[in-house]
Amino acid sequence: MTLYVGTSGWQYKDWREVLYPADVPMRRWLEEYTEQFATVEINNAFYRLPSRATFASWAERVPSDFVVAVKASRYLTHIKRLRDPEEPVHRLMDHAAGLGARLGPVLLQLPPTLRADAGLLDACLSAFPARTRVAVEPRHDSWWTPAVRKVLQARGAALCWADVQARPATPLWRTAGWGYVRFHEGRARPWPRYGRRALETWVDRVATTWNDGDDVYAYFNNDPGGAAVGDAALFARTAARAGLTVTRTPSSPATRR
C-alpha cells in the first residue's frame, strides 16, 4: 500500500512560518510545498475551475512524483446536481488534462441537500473517461444504501471516507481497489486539530481495509492556523510506524522559518 498524505490546498496566509519560511514569497509557495509533500488536493477548483493552461503551469512547477487530486467544480455537483453530466465532466477533465501525468483522483463532493439517486450517480460516473479515479463524498444520509454501494463498486469509484470532529461521517465501505479519506475538523486543541489517538484509529482503519499494492489518498482540510500541516505530518508518522509506505510530509513543520 502507498498512502499519499497531503492537504486541501496550499495557499493559506497563516501557513507562513508554519510550512513556509518567512522569507519565501507567496509566488514560490507551490515549489516550497512540493518539497514537503508529494500530493495536494486542489480544493478551490470547486469554486472556480482553473483553465487548462493554469493546470499545465502547475504541472511544470512540481516534481515528477507529485500527485494532484482535483475537487470537481460546483457547477457539476451543486448547480447541475449531477444531472446532464456529459458537458461539465468533459470540461472538467479537459481542463485537468493540463496536469498530464500529475493528475490523480477527482473528488465529487455532493451537496448536503442532494438525496440519494443511484441512477443519477451511475450516469454521472459513466461520463468520466475510463481509468479515471473518481471519489464520491455524499453528505446526505439517504445515500447509505446497497444500491449506491453497488454503483460505486461497479464503476470502480471510491466512497470518500470523511471525518468530522474525529468521527466518520460516512460508512467505511471499500468500493474500489484504492481509497480516499478527507479530514475536515478534529476535536483536539487548538481547534481544529486532531488528537494522536484519533489519527491512530484512522491509520488502523486504512491498514485493515486496503491491501499491499493499493493506493490510498488522505487530505487534511482543517487548514486554519496550519492545523492541516501538523496533523498531516503526525498522521504520516503514525502510519509509517504502523508499517505503511507513506509519501513525504514535513518532519517538524511548526519549527520551520
C-alpha atoms as a PDB file:
ATOM      1  CA  MET A   1       0.000   0.000   0.000  1.00  0.00           C
ATOM      2  CA  THR A   2       1.093   3.554  -0.711  1.00  0.00           C
ATOM      3  CA  LEU A   3      -0.529   6.192   1.475  1.00  0.00           C
ATOM      4  CA  TYR A   4      -0.474   9.616  -0.185  1.00  0.00           C
ATOM      5  CA  VAL A   5      -0.782  12.281   2.519  1.00  0.00           C
ATOM      6  CA  GLY A   6      -1.353  15.958   1.800  1.00  0.00           C
ATOM      7  CA  THR A   7      -3.592  18.947   2.428  1.00  0.00           C
ATOM      8  CA  SER A   8      -6.581  20.507   0.681  1.00  0.00           C
ATOM      9  CA  GLY A   9      -4.804  23.423  -0.955  1.00  0.00           C
ATOM     10  CA  TRP A  10      -1.523  25.167  -0.236  1.00  0.00           C
ATOM     11  CA  GLN A  11      -2.234  28.920  -0.425  1.00  0.00           C
ATOM     12  CA  TYR A  12      -3.094  29.896   3.144  1.00  0.00           C
ATOM     13  CA  LYS A  13      -1.536  33.070   4.540  1.00  0.00           C
ATOM     14  CA  ASP A  14      -1.435  31.749   8.083  1.00  0.00           C
ATOM     15  CA  TRP A  15       0.841  28.911   6.952  1.00  0.00           C
ATOM     16  CA  ARG A  16       3.712  31.372   6.773  1.00  0.00           C
ATOM     17  CA  GLU A  17       6.259  30.374   9.427  1.00  0.00           C
ATOM     18  CA  VAL A  18       4.346  27.098   9.837  1.00  0.00           C
ATOM     19  CA  LEU A  19       5.060  25.460   6.489  1.00  0.00           C
ATOM     20  CA  TYR A  20       6.626  28.344   4.598  1.00  0.00           C
ATOM     21  CA  PRO A  21       9.708  30.247   5.780  1.00  0.00           C
ATOM     22  CA  ALA A  22       9.059  33.940   6.298  1.00  0.00           C
ATOM     23  CA  ASP A  23      11.442  34.967   3.514  1.00  0.00           C
ATOM     24  CA  VAL A  24       9.795  32.805   0.790  1.00  0.00           C
ATOM     25  CA  PRO A  25       7.372  34.865  -1.351  1.00  0.00           C
ATOM     26  CA  MET A  26       3.860  33.535  -1.904  1.00  0.00           C
ATOM     27  CA  ARG A  27       4.532  33.020  -5.616  1.00  0.00           C
ATOM     28  CA  ARG A  28       7.038  30.300  -4.607  1.00  0.00           C
ATOM     29  CA  TRP A  29       4.809  28.520  -2.139  1.00  0.00           C
ATOM     30  CA  LEU A  30       3.861  25.716  -4.521  1.00  0.00           C
ATOM     31  CA  GLU A  31       7.518  24.794  -5.005  1.00  0.00           C
ATOM     32  CA  GLU A  32       8.064  25.003  -1.254  1.00  0.00           C
ATOM     33  CA  TYR A  33       5.005  22.820  -0.656  1.00  0.00           C
ATOM     34  CA  THR A  34       6.228  20.125  -3.039  1.00  0.00           C
ATOM     35  CA  GLU A  35       9.489  19.859  -1.127  1.00  0.00           C
ATOM     36  CA  GLN A  36       7.481  18.902   1.955  1.00  0.00           C
ATOM     37  CA  PHE A  37       4.540  16.972   0.465  1.00  0.00           C
ATOM     38  CA  ALA A  38       4.106  14.666  -2.555  1.00  0.00           C
ATOM     39  CA  THR A  39       0.400  15.354  -3.111  1.00  0.00           C
ATOM     40  CA  VAL A  40      -2.215  18.094  -2.808  1.00  0.00           C
ATOM     41  CA  GLU A  41      -5.959  18.324  -3.288  1.00  0.00           C
ATOM     42  CA  ILE A  42      -6.986  21.323  -5.410  1.00  0.00           C
ATOM     43  CA  ASN A  43      -9.951  22.347  -3.299  1.00  0.00           C
ATOM     44  CA  ASN A  44     -10.543  25.773  -4.859  1.00  0.00           C
ATOM     45  CA  ALA A  45     -11.343  24.168  -8.234  1.00  0.00           C
ATOM     46  CA  PHE A  46     -14.779  23.647  -6.673  1.00  0.00           C
ATOM     47  CA  TYR A  47     -15.393  27.409  -6.657  1.00  0.00           C
ATOM     48  CA  ARG A  48     -13.708  28.287  -9.937  1.00  0.00           C
ATOM     49  CA  LEU A  49     -12.377  25.677 -12.315  1.00  0.00           C
ATOM     50  CA  PRO A  50      -8.829  26.645 -13.323  1.00  0.00           C
ATOM     51  CA  SER A  51      -8.014  26.837 -17.012  1.00  0.00           C
ATOM     52  CA  ARG A  52      -6.106  24.063 -18.747  1.00  0.00           C
ATOM     53  CA  ALA A  53      -3.162  26.463 -19.009  1.00  0.00           C
ATOM     54  CA  THR A  54      -3.190  27.032 -15.238  1.00  0.00           C
ATOM     55  CA  PHE A  55      -3.213  23.300 -14.574  1.00  0.00           C
ATOM     56  CA  ALA A  56      -0.356  22.901 -17.066  1.00  0.00           C
ATOM     57  CA  SER A  57       1.666  25.627 -15.361  1.00  0.00           C
ATOM     58  CA  TRP A  58       1.276  23.842 -12.035  1.00  0.00           C
ATOM     59  CA  ALA A  59       2.413  20.589 -13.631  1.00  0.00           C
ATOM     60  CA  GLU A  60       5.588  22.299 -14.819  1.00  0.00           C
ATOM     61  CA  ARG A  61       6.350  23.541 -11.310  1.00  0.00           C
ATOM     62  CA  VAL A  62       6.012  20.253  -9.415  1.00  0.00           C
ATOM     63  CA  PRO A  63       8.355  17.239  -9.350  1.00  0.00           C
ATOM     64  CA  SER A  64       7.718  14.082 -11.343  1.00  0.00           C
ATOM     65  CA  ASP A  65       6.469  12.117  -8.320  1.00  0.00           C
ATOM     66  CA  PHE A  66       3.869  14.713  -7.349  1.00  0.00           C
ATOM     67  CA  VAL A  67       0.132  13.816  -7.468  1.00  0.00           C
ATOM     68  CA  VAL A  68      -2.669  16.374  -7.763  1.00  0.00           C
ATOM     69  CA  ALA A  69      -6.218  15.473  -6.758  1.00  0.00           C
ATOM     70  CA  VAL A  70      -8.894  17.783  -8.160  1.00  0.00           C
ATOM     71  CA  LYS A  71     -12.188  18.628  -6.495  1.00  0.00           C
ATOM     72  CA  ALA A  72     -14.867  18.857  -9.174  1.00  0.00           C
ATOM     73  CA  SER A  73     -16.479  22.189  -9.942  1.00  0.00           C
ATOM     74  CA  ARG A  74     -19.662  23.041  -8.072  1.00  0.00           C
ATOM     75  CA  TYR A  75     -21.298  23.533 -11.465  1.00  0.00           C
ATOM     76  CA  LEU A  76     -21.422  19.744 -11.795  1.00  0.00           C
ATOM     77  CA  THR A  77     -22.233  18.854  -8.203  1.00  0.00           C
ATOM     78  CA  HIS A  78     -24.210  21.779  -6.784  1.00  0.00           C
ATOM     79  CA  ILE A  79     -25.751  23.612  -9.756  1.00  0.00           C
ATOM     80  CA  LYS A  80     -26.437  20.715 -12.126  1.00  0.00           C
ATOM     81  CA  ARG A  81     -26.692  18.374  -9.116  1.00  0.00           C
ATOM     82  CA  LEU A  82     -25.215  15.573 -11.283  1.00  0.00           C
ATOM     83  CA  ARG A  83     -27.863  15.981 -13.999  1.00  0.00           C
ATOM     84  CA  ASP A  84     -26.771  16.122 -17.658  1.00  0.00           C
ATOM     85  CA  PRO A  85     -23.171  15.398 -16.647  1.00  0.00           C
ATOM     86  CA  GLU A  86     -21.564  14.968 -20.067  1.00  0.00           C
ATOM     87  CA  GLU A  87     -20.640  18.610 -20.739  1.00  0.00           C
ATOM     88  CA  PRO A  88     -19.444  19.591 -17.240  1.00  0.00           C
ATOM     89  CA  VAL A  89     -17.475  16.348 -16.856  1.00  0.00           C
ATOM     90  CA  HIS A  90     -15.882  16.841 -20.285  1.00  0.00           C
ATOM     91  CA  ARG A  91     -14.929  20.428 -19.403  1.00  0.00           C
ATOM     92  CA  LEU A  92     -13.547  19.390 -16.026  1.00  0.00           C
ATOM     93  CA  MET A  93     -11.415  16.625 -17.489  1.00  0.00           C
ATOM     94  CA  ASP A  94     -10.306  18.736 -20.460  1.00  0.00           C
ATOM     95  CA  HIS A  95      -9.007  21.416 -18.120  1.00  0.00           C
ATOM     96  CA  ALA A  96      -7.475  18.951 -15.640  1.00  0.00           C
ATOM     97  CA  ALA A  97      -5.690  17.204 -18.528  1.00  0.00           C
ATOM     98  CA  GLY A  98      -3.234  20.076 -18.340  1.00  0.00           C
ATOM     99  CA  LEU A  99      -1.765  18.267 -15.335  1.00  0.00           C
ATOM    100  CA  GLY A 100      -0.713  15.350 -17.545  1.00  0.00           C
ATOM    101  CA  ALA A 101       0.807  12.507 -15.536  1.00  0.00           C
ATOM    102  CA  ARG A 102       0.462  14.543 -12.321  1.00  0.00           C
ATOM    103  CA  LEU A 103      -3.340  14.142 -12.330  1.00  0.00           C
ATOM    104  CA  GLY A 104      -4.601  11.924  -9.530  1.00  0.00           C
ATOM    105  CA  PRO A 105      -8.173  11.299  -8.352  1.00  0.00           C
ATOM    106  CA  VAL A 106     -11.161  13.552  -8.988  1.00  0.00           C
ATOM    107  CA  LEU A 107     -13.399  14.262  -5.983  1.00  0.00           C
ATOM    108  CA  LEU A 108     -17.163  14.703  -6.281  1.00  0.00           C
ATOM    109  CA  GLN A 109     -18.392  16.304  -3.068  1.00  0.00           C
ATOM    110  CA  LEU A 110     -22.176  16.239  -3.185  1.00  0.00           C
ATOM    111  CA  PRO A 111     -24.441  18.917  -1.666  1.00  0.00           C
ATOM    112  CA  PRO A 112     -25.818  18.079   1.785  1.00  0.00           C
ATOM    113  CA  THR A 113     -29.323  18.629   0.375  1.00  0.00           C
ATOM    114  CA  LEU A 114     -28.898  16.161  -2.505  1.00  0.00           C
ATOM    115  CA  ARG A 115     -30.775  12.982  -1.681  1.00  0.00           C
ATOM    116  CA  ALA A 116     -29.698   9.599  -2.971  1.00  0.00           C
ATOM    117  CA  ASP A 117     -30.307   8.691  -6.589  1.00  0.00           C
ATOM    118  CA  ALA A 118     -28.270   5.654  -7.605  1.00  0.00           C
ATOM    119  CA  GLY A 119     -29.208   6.018 -11.273  1.00  0.00           C
ATOM    120  CA  LEU A 120     -28.160   9.664 -11.357  1.00  0.00           C
ATOM    121  CA  LEU A 121     -24.823   8.801  -9.745  1.00  0.00           C
ATOM    122  CA  ASP A 122     -24.258   5.938 -12.171  1.00  0.00           C
ATOM    123  CA  ALA A 123     -24.895   8.173 -15.179  1.00  0.00           C
ATOM    124  CA  CYS A 124     -22.509  10.800 -13.846  1.00  0.00           C
ATOM    125  CA  LEU A 125     -19.730   8.299 -13.173  1.00  0.00           C
ATOM    126  CA  SER A 126     -20.206   6.802 -16.643  1.00  0.00           C
ATOM    127  CA  ALA A 127     -19.398  10.207 -18.182  1.00  0.00           C
ATOM    128  CA  PHE A 128     -15.815  10.121 -16.902  1.00  0.00           C
ATOM    129  CA  PRO A 129     -13.084   8.715 -19.137  1.00  0.00           C
ATOM    130  CA  ALA A 130     -12.099   5.112 -18.484  1.00  0.00           C
ATOM    131  CA  ARG A 131      -9.472   4.623 -15.777  1.00  0.00           C
ATOM    132  CA  THR A 132     -10.242   7.974 -14.140  1.00  0.00           C
ATOM    133  CA  ARG A 133     -10.163   7.576 -10.384  1.00  0.00           C
ATOM    134  CA  VAL A 134     -13.310   9.226  -9.021  1.00  0.00           C
ATOM    135  CA  ALA A 135     -14.035   9.559  -5.310  1.00  0.00           C
ATOM    136  CA  VAL A 136     -17.561  10.428  -4.188  1.00  0.00           C
ATOM    137  CA  GLU A 137     -18.353  12.238  -0.930  1.00  0.00           C
ATOM    138  CA  PRO A 138     -22.137  12.183  -0.341  1.00  0.00           C
ATOM    139  CA  ARG A 139     -23.392  14.293   2.559  1.00  0.00           C
ATOM    140  CA  HIS A 140     -26.993  13.143   2.968  1.00  0.00           C
ATOM    141  CA  ASP A 141     -27.751  10.010   4.973  1.00  0.00           C
ATOM    142  CA  SER A 142     -30.078   8.663   2.269  1.00  0.00           C
ATOM    143  CA  TRP A 143     -27.011   7.627   0.234  1.00  0.00           C
ATOM    144  CA  TRP A 144     -26.030   4.775   2.551  1.00  0.00           C
ATOM    145  CA  THR A 145     -27.853   2.016   0.667  1.00  0.00           C
ATOM    146  CA  PRO A 146     -26.825  -1.233  -1.038  1.00  0.00           C
ATOM    147  CA  ALA A 147     -27.855   0.220  -4.426  1.00  0.00           C
ATOM    148  CA  VAL A 148     -25.448   3.158  -4.064  1.00  0.00           C
ATOM    149  CA  ARG A 149     -22.661   0.894  -2.873  1.00  0.00           C
ATOM    150  CA  LYS A 150     -23.233  -1.367  -5.883  1.00  0.00           C
ATOM    151  CA  VAL A 151     -22.938   1.593  -8.293  1.00  0.00           C
ATOM    152  CA  LEU A 152     -19.673   2.713  -6.734  1.00  0.00           C
ATOM    153  CA  GLN A 153     -18.276  -0.804  -6.904  1.00  0.00           C
ATOM    154  CA  ALA A 154     -19.385  -1.351 -10.499  1.00  0.00           C
ATOM    155  CA  ARG A 155     -17.783   1.920 -11.614  1.00  0.00           C
ATOM    156  CA  GLY A 156     -14.589   1.439  -9.581  1.00  0.00           C
ATOM    157  CA  ALA A 157     -15.300   4.676  -7.731  1.00  0.00           C
ATOM    158  CA  ALA A 158     -14.157   5.133  -4.145  1.00  0.00           C
ATOM    159  CA  LEU A 159     -16.529   6.186  -1.418  1.00  0.00           C
ATOM    160  CA  CYS A 160     -14.704   9.110   0.184  1.00  0.00           C
ATOM    161  CA  TRP A 161     -14.275   8.417   3.872  1.00  0.00           C
ATOM    162  CA  ALA A 162     -14.983  11.767   5.542  1.00  0.00           C
ATOM    163  CA  ASP A 163     -14.118  12.657   9.118  1.00  0.00           C
ATOM    164  CA  VAL A 164     -15.864  15.432  11.039  1.00  0.00           C
ATOM    165  CA  GLN A 165     -14.906  16.052  14.672  1.00  0.00           C
ATOM    166  CA  ALA A 166     -12.773  12.914  14.782  1.00  0.00           C
ATOM    167  CA  ARG A 167     -15.683  10.654  13.792  1.00  0.00           C
ATOM    168  CA  PRO A 168     -16.553   9.010  10.463  1.00  0.00           C
ATOM    169  CA  ALA A 169     -19.273  10.968   8.669  1.00  0.00           C
ATOM    170  CA  THR A 170     -19.708   8.132   6.147  1.00  0.00           C
ATOM    171  CA  PRO A 171     -19.889   4.353   6.229  1.00  0.00           C
ATOM    172  CA  LEU A 172     -16.456   2.762   5.972  1.00  0.00           C
ATOM    173  CA  TRP A 173     -17.178   0.966   2.701  1.00  0.00           C
ATOM    174  CA  ARG A 174     -14.379  -0.231   0.465  1.00  0.00           C
ATOM    175  CA  THR A 175     -15.834   0.186  -3.014  1.00  0.00           C
ATOM    176  CA  ALA A 176     -12.654   0.238  -5.131  1.00  0.00           C
ATOM    177  CA  GLY A 177      -9.090  -1.038  -5.169  1.00  0.00           C
ATOM    178  CA  TRP A 178      -7.973   2.367  -3.877  1.00  0.00           C
ATOM    179  CA  GLY A 179      -9.166   4.730  -1.185  1.00  0.00           C
ATOM    180  CA  TYR A 180      -9.763   8.395  -0.416  1.00  0.00           C
ATOM    181  CA  VAL A 181     -10.003   9.977   3.046  1.00  0.00           C
ATOM    182  CA  ARG A 182     -10.753  13.600   3.966  1.00  0.00           C
ATOM    183  CA  PHE A 183     -10.211  15.115   7.398  1.00  0.00           C
ATOM    184  CA  HIS A 184     -12.441  18.165   7.923  1.00  0.00           C
ATOM    185  CA  GLU A 185     -12.290  19.046  11.620  1.00  0.00           C
ATOM    186  CA  GLY A 186     -10.738  17.468  14.694  1.00  0.00           C
ATOM    187  CA  ARG A 187     -11.711  17.758  18.339  1.00  0.00           C
ATOM    188  CA  ALA A 188      -8.306  18.467  19.841  1.00  0.00           C
ATOM    189  CA  ARG A 189      -6.955  21.845  20.920  1.00  0.00           C
ATOM    190  CA  PRO A 190      -6.246  24.267  19.483  1.00  0.00           C
ATOM    191  CA  TRP A 191      -9.229  23.990  17.116  1.00  0.00           C
ATOM    192  CA  PRO A 192      -9.455  22.354  14.560  1.00  0.00           C
ATOM    193  CA  ARG A 193      -6.563  19.985  15.328  1.00  0.00           C
ATOM    194  CA  TYR A 194      -6.741  16.189  15.524  1.00  0.00           C
ATOM    195  CA  GLY A 195      -5.518  14.269  18.528  1.00  0.00           C
ATOM    196  CA  ARG A 196      -2.991  11.475  18.323  1.00  0.00           C
ATOM    197  CA  ARG A 197      -5.490   8.783  19.304  1.00  0.00           C
ATOM    198  CA  ALA A 198      -7.966   9.815  16.597  1.00  0.00           C
ATOM    199  CA  LEU A 199      -5.254   9.622  13.951  1.00  0.00           C
ATOM    200  CA  GLU A 200      -4.064   6.244  15.234  1.00  0.00           C
ATOM    201  CA  THR A 201      -7.632   4.958  14.822  1.00  0.00           C
ATOM    202  CA  TRP A 202      -7.735   6.215  11.234  1.00  0.00           C
ATOM    203  CA  VAL A 203      -4.410   4.578  10.426  1.00  0.00           C
ATOM    204  CA  ASP A 204      -5.798   1.286  11.715  1.00  0.00           C
ATOM    205  CA  ARG A 205      -8.924   1.658   9.568  1.00  0.00           C
ATOM    206  CA  VAL A 206      -6.841   2.265   6.461  1.00  0.00           C
ATOM    207  CA  ALA A 207      -4.366  -0.522   7.213  1.00  0.00           C
ATOM    208  CA  THR A 208      -7.073  -3.122   7.800  1.00  0.00           C
ATOM    209  CA  THR A 209      -9.154  -2.175   4.739  1.00  0.00           C
ATOM    210  CA  TRP A 210      -6.672  -1.923   1.879  1.00  0.00           C
ATOM    211  CA  ASN A 211      -4.012  -4.335   0.705  1.00  0.00           C
ATOM    212  CA  ASP A 212      -0.416  -4.203  -0.459  1.00  0.00           C
ATOM    213  CA  GLY A 213      -0.359  -2.562  -3.878  1.00  0.00           C
ATOM    214  CA  ASP A 214      -3.410  -0.363  -3.227  1.00  0.00           C
ATOM    215  CA  ASP A 215      -3.203   3.426  -3.227  1.00  0.00           C
ATOM    216  CA  VAL A 216      -4.927   5.473  -0.536  1.00  0.00           C
ATOM    217  CA  TYR A 217      -5.127   9.277  -0.662  1.00  0.00           C
ATOM    218  CA  ALA A 218      -5.595  11.242   2.566  1.00  0.00           C
ATOM    219  CA  TYR A 219      -6.098  15.008   2.675  1.00  0.00           C
ATOM    220  CA  PHE A 220      -6.445  17.339   5.638  1.00  0.00           C
ATOM    221  CA  ASN A 221      -8.956  20.132   5.080  1.00  0.00           C
ATOM    222  CA  ASN A 222      -8.668  21.665   8.581  1.00  0.00           C
ATOM    223  CA  ASP A 223      -6.469  24.460   7.304  1.00  0.00           C
ATOM    224  CA  PRO A 224      -6.892  27.275   9.911  1.00  0.00           C
ATOM    225  CA  GLY A 225      -3.727  28.050  11.802  1.00  0.00           C
ATOM    226  CA  GLY A 226      -1.758  25.438   9.920  1.00  0.00           C
ATOM    227  CA  ALA A 227      -3.599  22.616  11.705  1.00  0.00           C
ATOM    228  CA  ALA A 228      -3.729  20.600   8.475  1.00  0.00           C
ATOM    229  CA  VAL A 229       0.050  20.737   8.089  1.00  0.00           C
ATOM    230  CA  GLY A 230       0.802  19.441  11.559  1.00  0.00           C
ATOM    231  CA  ASP A 231      -1.934  16.828  11.506  1.00  0.00           C
ATOM    232  CA  ALA A 232      -0.894  15.520   8.091  1.00  0.00           C
ATOM    233  CA  ALA A 233       2.670  15.150   9.337  1.00  0.00           C
ATOM    234  CA  LEU A 234       1.549  13.375  12.509  1.00  0.00           C
ATOM    235  CA  PHE A 235      -0.789  11.078  10.555  1.00  0.00           C
ATOM    236  CA  ALA A 236       2.050  10.165   8.199  1.00  0.00           C
ATOM    237  CA  ARG A 237       4.456   9.414  11.049  1.00  0.00           C
ATOM    238  CA  THR A 238       1.806   7.295  12.766  1.00  0.00           C
ATOM    239  CA  ALA A 239       1.164   5.348   9.571  1.00  0.00           C
ATOM    240  CA  ALA A 240       4.880   4.814   8.973  1.00  0.00           C
ATOM    241  CA  ARG A 241       5.287   3.438  12.494  1.00  0.00           C
ATOM    242  CA  ALA A 242       2.455   1.014  11.677  1.00  0.00           C
ATOM    243  CA  GLY A 243       4.465  -0.266   8.720  1.00  0.00           C
ATOM    244  CA  LEU A 244       2.690   1.564   5.891  1.00  0.00           C
ATOM    245  CA  THR A 245       4.521   3.141   2.963  1.00  0.00           C
ATOM    246  CA  VAL A 246       3.833   6.871   3.187  1.00  0.00           C
ATOM    247  CA  THR A 247       4.717   9.753   0.895  1.00  0.00           C
ATOM    248  CA  ARG A 248       6.857  12.593   2.241  1.00  0.00           C
ATOM    249  CA  THR A 249       5.488  15.036   4.803  1.00  0.00           C
ATOM    250  CA  PRO A 250       7.195  17.755   6.859  1.00  0.00           C
ATOM    251  CA  SER A 251       9.417  16.450   9.637  1.00  0.00           C
ATOM    252  CA  SER A 252       8.651  19.287  12.073  1.00  0.00           C
ATOM    253  CA  PRO A 253       6.501  21.902  10.347  1.00  0.00           C
ATOM    254  CA  ALA A 254       5.934  24.107  13.370  1.00  0.00           C
ATOM    255  CA  THR A 255       9.636  24.924  13.650  1.00  0.00           C
ATOM    256  CA  ARG A 256      10.264  25.943  10.038  1.00  0.00           C
ATOM    257  CA  ARG A 257      11.473  29.528   9.458  1.00  0.00           C
END
